[in-house]
């Protein structure tokens, strides 16, 4: 997992499988960021994500909750269709702020109220504009 800091936020690049074994890496990588002060958003770049199981979903939910407690946003970018279907089946497509790419995810929330995660302010539905 790569971690990049941008002027507009932090990007975690997810690759391969987000499952029981790899979710530990997600929490270790995000722990340092969660310890920092500030309100910058965290973007999970999912373009290289091939698979996500219930452990991966739980890991993303825990990260979302921890960031929300800090009044920070978790934004997902470039979610592959197979993972998008999983989010739709579990209702997480109503919770996560999903964007077609990292640049749009980093720029989200700057266009006014509701632009960051509210159902009516999503940049793109999970099942459109996202490819593996």
C-alpha atoms as a PDB file:
ATOM      1  CA  UNK A   1       0.000   0.000   0.000  1.00  0.00           C
ATOM      2  CA  UNK A   2       1.305   3.389  -0.980  1.00  0.00           C
ATOM      3  CA  UNK A   3       0.563   6.553   0.980  1.00  0.00           C
ATOM      4  CA  UNK A   4       0.869   9.947  -0.702  1.00  0.00           C
ATOM      5  CA  UNK A   5       0.227  13.321   0.869  1.00  0.00           C
ATOM      6  CA  UNK A   6      -1.236  16.038  -1.344  1.00  0.00           C
ATOM      7  CA  UNK A   7      -2.082  19.643  -0.586  1.00  0.00           C
ATOM      8  CA  UNK A   8      -5.775  18.648  -0.646  1.00  0.00           C
ATOM      9  CA  UNK A   9      -5.567  15.379   1.313  1.00  0.00           C
ATOM     10  CA  UNK A  10      -3.951  11.994   1.761  1.00  0.00           C
ATOM     11  CA  UNK A  11      -4.229   9.132  -0.748  1.00  0.00           C
ATOM     12  CA  UNK A  12      -3.920   5.462   0.192  1.00  0.00           C
ATOM     13  CA  UNK A  13      -3.512   3.238  -2.846  1.00  0.00           C
ATOM     14  CA  UNK A  14      -5.143  -0.166  -2.379  1.00  0.00           C
ATOM     15  CA  UNK A  15      -3.906  -3.048  -4.541  1.00  0.00           C
ATOM     16  CA  UNK A  16      -4.839  -6.672  -4.910  1.00  0.00           C
ATOM     17  CA  UNK A  17      -7.114  -7.997  -2.198  1.00  0.00           C
ATOM     18  CA  UNK A  18      -8.585  -6.184   0.791  1.00  0.00           C
ATOM     19  CA  UNK A  19      -9.257  -9.139   3.060  1.00  0.00           C
ATOM     20  CA  UNK A  20      -8.557 -10.517   6.529  1.00  0.00           C
ATOM     21  CA  UNK A  21      -4.793 -10.525   5.977  1.00  0.00           C
ATOM     22  CA  UNK A  22      -4.394  -7.176   4.229  1.00  0.00           C
ATOM     23  CA  UNK A  23      -6.838  -5.118   6.310  1.00  0.00           C
ATOM     24  CA  UNK A  24      -4.154  -5.033   9.016  1.00  0.00           C
ATOM     25  CA  UNK A  25      -1.919  -3.156   6.562  1.00  0.00           C
ATOM     26  CA  UNK A  26      -4.724  -0.668   5.953  1.00  0.00           C
ATOM     27  CA  UNK A  27      -5.053   0.044   9.661  1.00  0.00           C
ATOM     28  CA  UNK A  28      -1.305   0.325  10.168  1.00  0.00           C
ATOM     29  CA  UNK A  29      -0.960   2.682   7.215  1.00  0.00           C
ATOM     30  CA  UNK A  30      -3.862   4.858   8.311  1.00  0.00           C
ATOM     31  CA  UNK A  31      -2.985   4.925  12.025  1.00  0.00           C
ATOM     32  CA  UNK A  32      -0.278   7.527  11.524  1.00  0.00           C
ATOM     33  CA  UNK A  33      -2.581   9.721   9.468  1.00  0.00           C
ATOM     34  CA  UNK A  34      -5.336   9.449  12.068  1.00  0.00           C
ATOM     35  CA  UNK A  35      -2.882  10.688  14.695  1.00  0.00           C
ATOM     36  CA  UNK A  36      -2.257  13.921  12.805  1.00  0.00           C
ATOM     37  CA  UNK A  37      -4.180  17.077  13.453  1.00  0.00           C
ATOM     38  CA  UNK A  38      -6.097  18.638  10.629  1.00  0.00           C
ATOM     39  CA  UNK A  39      -9.220  18.124   8.618  1.00  0.00           C
ATOM     40  CA  UNK A  40      -7.802  16.963   5.291  1.00  0.00           C
ATOM     41  CA  UNK A  41      -9.753  14.161   3.617  1.00  0.00           C
ATOM     42  CA  UNK A  42      -8.453  10.643   3.145  1.00  0.00           C
ATOM     43  CA  UNK A  43      -8.882   9.074  -0.287  1.00  0.00           C
ATOM     44  CA  UNK A  44      -8.706   5.338  -0.827  1.00  0.00           C
ATOM     45  CA  UNK A  45      -7.612   4.807  -4.430  1.00  0.00           C
ATOM     46  CA  UNK A  46      -9.311   1.528  -5.339  1.00  0.00           C
ATOM     47  CA  UNK A  47      -8.240   1.341  -8.993  1.00  0.00           C
ATOM     48  CA  UNK A  48      -5.909  -1.591  -8.256  1.00  0.00           C
ATOM     49  CA  UNK A  49      -8.301  -3.370  -5.909  1.00  0.00           C
ATOM     50  CA  UNK A  50      -9.248  -6.770  -7.299  1.00  0.00           C
ATOM     51  CA  UNK A  51     -11.226  -8.194  -4.369  1.00  0.00           C
ATOM     52  CA  UNK A  52     -12.806  -7.071  -1.111  1.00  0.00           C
ATOM     53  CA  UNK A  53     -14.352  -9.444   1.443  1.00  0.00           C
ATOM     54  CA  UNK A  54     -16.290  -8.804   4.650  1.00  0.00           C
ATOM     55  CA  UNK A  55     -13.046  -8.109   6.537  1.00  0.00           C
ATOM     56  CA  UNK A  56     -12.147  -5.465   3.980  1.00  0.00           C
ATOM     57  CA  UNK A  57     -15.588  -3.911   4.271  1.00  0.00           C
ATOM     58  CA  UNK A  58     -15.232  -3.889   8.053  1.00  0.00           C
ATOM     59  CA  UNK A  59     -11.821  -2.251   7.739  1.00  0.00           C
ATOM     60  CA  UNK A  60     -13.185   0.505   5.516  1.00  0.00           C
ATOM     61  CA  UNK A  61     -16.125   1.017   7.882  1.00  0.00           C
ATOM     62  CA  UNK A  62     -13.803   1.345  10.890  1.00  0.00           C
ATOM     63  CA  UNK A  63     -11.662   3.837   8.996  1.00  0.00           C
ATOM     64  CA  UNK A  64     -14.778   5.784   7.986  1.00  0.00           C
ATOM     65  CA  UNK A  65     -15.983   5.891  11.601  1.00  0.00           C
ATOM     66  CA  UNK A  66     -12.608   6.981  12.966  1.00  0.00           C
ATOM     67  CA  UNK A  67     -12.282   9.729  10.364  1.00  0.00           C
ATOM     68  CA  UNK A  68     -15.864  10.868  10.934  1.00  0.00           C
ATOM     69  CA  UNK A  69     -15.126  11.190  14.655  1.00  0.00           C
ATOM     70  CA  UNK A  70     -12.352  13.618  13.669  1.00  0.00           C
ATOM     71  CA  UNK A  71     -14.722  15.491  11.336  1.00  0.00           C
ATOM     72  CA  UNK A  72     -12.754  14.205   8.352  1.00  0.00           C
ATOM     73  CA  UNK A  73     -13.938  12.536   5.173  1.00  0.00           C
ATOM     74  CA  UNK A  74     -13.156   9.145   3.689  1.00  0.00           C
ATOM     75  CA  UNK A  75     -13.548   9.203  -0.074  1.00  0.00           C
ATOM     76  CA  UNK A  76     -13.237   6.219  -2.375  1.00  0.00           C
ATOM     77  CA  UNK A  77     -11.889   6.634  -5.901  1.00  0.00           C
ATOM     78  CA  UNK A  78     -12.012   4.391  -8.978  1.00  0.00           C
ATOM     79  CA  UNK A  79     -13.939   1.555  -7.352  1.00  0.00           C
ATOM     80  CA  UNK A  80     -13.917  -1.530  -9.632  1.00  0.00           C
ATOM     81  CA  UNK A  81     -17.308  -2.855 -10.740  1.00  0.00           C
ATOM     82  CA  UNK A  82     -17.002  -6.080  -8.726  1.00  0.00           C
ATOM     83  CA  UNK A  83     -16.376  -4.162  -5.506  1.00  0.00           C
ATOM     84  CA  UNK A  84     -19.054  -1.612  -6.395  1.00  0.00           C
ATOM     85  CA  UNK A  85     -21.597  -4.443  -6.634  1.00  0.00           C
ATOM     86  CA  UNK A  86     -20.598  -5.623  -3.168  1.00  0.00           C
ATOM     87  CA  UNK A  87     -21.085  -2.106  -1.790  1.00  0.00           C
ATOM     88  CA  UNK A  88     -24.495  -1.875  -3.471  1.00  0.00           C
ATOM     89  CA  UNK A  89     -25.600  -5.236  -2.026  1.00  0.00           C
ATOM     90  CA  UNK A  90     -24.584  -4.201   1.487  1.00  0.00           C
ATOM     91  CA  UNK A  91     -25.946  -0.658   1.283  1.00  0.00           C
ATOM     92  CA  UNK A  92     -22.492   0.893   1.629  1.00  0.00           C
ATOM     93  CA  UNK A  93     -23.047   2.734  -1.620  1.00  0.00           C
ATOM     94  CA  UNK A  94     -25.290   5.017   0.462  1.00  0.00           C
ATOM     95  CA  UNK A  95     -22.551   5.654   3.039  1.00  0.00           C
ATOM     96  CA  UNK A  96     -19.275   6.069   1.176  1.00  0.00           C
ATOM     97  CA  UNK A  97     -18.445   9.083  -0.946  1.00  0.00           C
ATOM     98  CA  UNK A  98     -17.376   7.525  -4.261  1.00  0.00           C
ATOM     99  CA  UNK A  99     -15.642   9.305  -7.126  1.00  0.00           C
ATOM    100  CA  UNK A 100     -14.472   8.271 -10.596  1.00  0.00           C
ATOM    101  CA  UNK A 101     -10.811   9.093  -9.900  1.00  0.00           C
ATOM    102  CA  UNK A 102      -8.413  10.401  -7.259  1.00  0.00           C
ATOM    103  CA  UNK A 103      -8.317  13.960  -8.618  1.00  0.00           C
ATOM    104  CA  UNK A 104     -12.079  14.305  -8.331  1.00  0.00           C
ATOM    105  CA  UNK A 105     -12.065  12.706  -4.882  1.00  0.00           C
ATOM    106  CA  UNK A 106      -9.437  15.183  -3.682  1.00  0.00           C
ATOM    107  CA  UNK A 107     -11.467  18.078  -5.092  1.00  0.00           C
ATOM    108  CA  UNK A 108     -14.799  16.906  -3.652  1.00  0.00           C
ATOM    109  CA  UNK A 109     -16.390  18.919  -0.908  1.00  0.00           C
ATOM    110  CA  UNK A 110     -15.015  22.178  -2.223  1.00  0.00           C
ATOM    111  CA  UNK A 111     -18.050  22.972  -4.365  1.00  0.00           C
ATOM    112  CA  UNK A 112     -20.448  23.676  -1.536  1.00  0.00           C
ATOM    113  CA  UNK A 113     -22.707  21.824   0.872  1.00  0.00           C
ATOM    114  CA  UNK A 114     -23.621  18.232   0.189  1.00  0.00           C
ATOM    115  CA  UNK A 115     -20.676  17.644  -2.132  1.00  0.00           C
ATOM    116  CA  UNK A 116     -18.999  15.170   0.163  1.00  0.00           C
ATOM    117  CA  UNK A 117     -20.956  12.014   0.746  1.00  0.00           C
ATOM    118  CA  UNK A 118     -24.566  13.090   0.983  1.00  0.00           C
ATOM    119  CA  UNK A 119     -26.676  10.933  -1.284  1.00  0.00           C
ATOM    120  CA  UNK A 120     -27.630  13.935  -3.410  1.00  0.00           C
ATOM    121  CA  UNK A 121     -24.052  15.247  -3.653  1.00  0.00           C
ATOM    122  CA  UNK A 122     -22.169  12.224  -4.953  1.00  0.00           C
ATOM    123  CA  UNK A 123     -19.720  12.727  -7.769  1.00  0.00           C
ATOM    124  CA  UNK A 124     -20.654   9.399  -9.389  1.00  0.00           C
ATOM    125  CA  UNK A 125     -22.737   6.372  -8.485  1.00  0.00           C
ATOM    126  CA  UNK A 126     -20.751   3.271  -7.590  1.00  0.00           C
ATOM    127  CA  UNK A 127     -21.772   1.386 -10.687  1.00  0.00           C
ATOM    128  CA  UNK A 128     -21.004   4.118 -13.231  1.00  0.00           C
ATOM    129  CA  UNK A 129     -17.685   5.537 -14.335  1.00  0.00           C
ATOM    130  CA  UNK A 130     -15.607   3.086 -12.338  1.00  0.00           C
ATOM    131  CA  UNK A 131     -13.505   0.417 -13.967  1.00  0.00           C
ATOM    132  CA  UNK A 132     -11.196  -2.316 -12.834  1.00  0.00           C
END
